[in-house]
Amino acid sequence: MTDLEANKTTVGAFYDLMFNQRRPAEAIEKYVGDWDVLQIIPETSANTNTMF
């Protein structure tokens, strides 16, 4: 299986769990995992966690 085929399979499984099976929390936990958005904006301190 190529990387492209593997990616398509993974995305399909994610969408199935998220939308068809209506289990979004499980889909996020399984396919996305823990993540933090760290965006460094020059006008703020270097360690500020912000979305925008």
Protein backbone atom coordinates (compact mmCIF):
# COMPACT_ATOMS: atom_id res chain seq x y z
CA MET A 1 0.00 0.00 0.00
CA THR A 2 1.39 3.38 -0.96
CA ASP A 3 1.43 6.36 1.40
CA LEU A 4 -1.39 7.93 -0.60
CA GLU A 5 -3.56 4.83 -0.28
CA ALA A 6 -2.79 4.56 3.44
CA ASN A 7 -3.68 8.24 3.94
CA LYS A 8 -6.98 7.80 2.08
CA THR A 9 -7.83 4.78 4.24
CA THR A 10 -7.02 6.70 7.43
CA VAL A 11 -9.06 9.74 6.38
CA GLY A 12 -11.98 7.53 5.41
CA ALA A 13 -11.88 5.77 8.79
CA PHE A 14 -11.73 9.13 10.58
CA TYR A 15 -14.74 10.51 8.69
CA ASP A 16 -16.69 7.29 9.21
CA LEU A 17 -16.12 7.35 12.97
CA MET A 18 -16.64 11.11 13.24
CA PHE A 19 -19.77 11.54 11.13
CA ASN A 20 -21.36 8.21 10.20
CA GLN A 21 -20.96 6.61 13.62
CA ARG A 22 -21.39 9.97 15.37
CA ARG A 23 -18.51 9.44 17.76
CA PRO A 24 -16.47 12.63 17.33
CA ALA A 25 -14.63 12.48 20.67
CA GLU A 26 -13.37 8.99 19.89
CA ALA A 27 -12.38 10.00 16.35
CA ILE A 28 -10.38 12.98 17.62
CA GLU A 29 -8.71 10.88 20.30
CA LYS A 30 -7.83 8.09 17.88
CA TYR A 31 -6.78 10.05 14.78
CA VAL A 32 -5.84 13.53 16.00
CA GLY A 33 -4.68 13.00 19.56
CA ASP A 34 -3.50 15.69 21.93
CA TRP A 35 -2.37 18.90 20.32
CA ASP A 36 -1.72 22.43 21.27
CA VAL A 37 -1.68 25.42 19.00
CA LEU A 38 1.34 27.56 19.70
CA GLN A 39 1.40 30.65 17.59
CA ILE A 40 4.10 33.17 18.24
CA ILE A 41 3.04 36.72 17.50
CA PRO A 42 5.78 39.35 17.68
CA GLU A 43 3.55 41.72 19.66
CA THR A 44 3.05 39.15 22.46
CA SER A 45 5.40 37.20 24.67
CA ALA A 46 7.10 34.22 23.06
CA ASN A 47 5.28 31.67 25.21
CA THR A 48 1.70 32.83 24.66
CA ASN A 49 -0.70 30.13 23.54
CA THR A 50 -3.19 31.82 21.23
CA MET A 51 -5.40 30.82 18.34
CA PHE A 52 -5.37 34.24 16.64
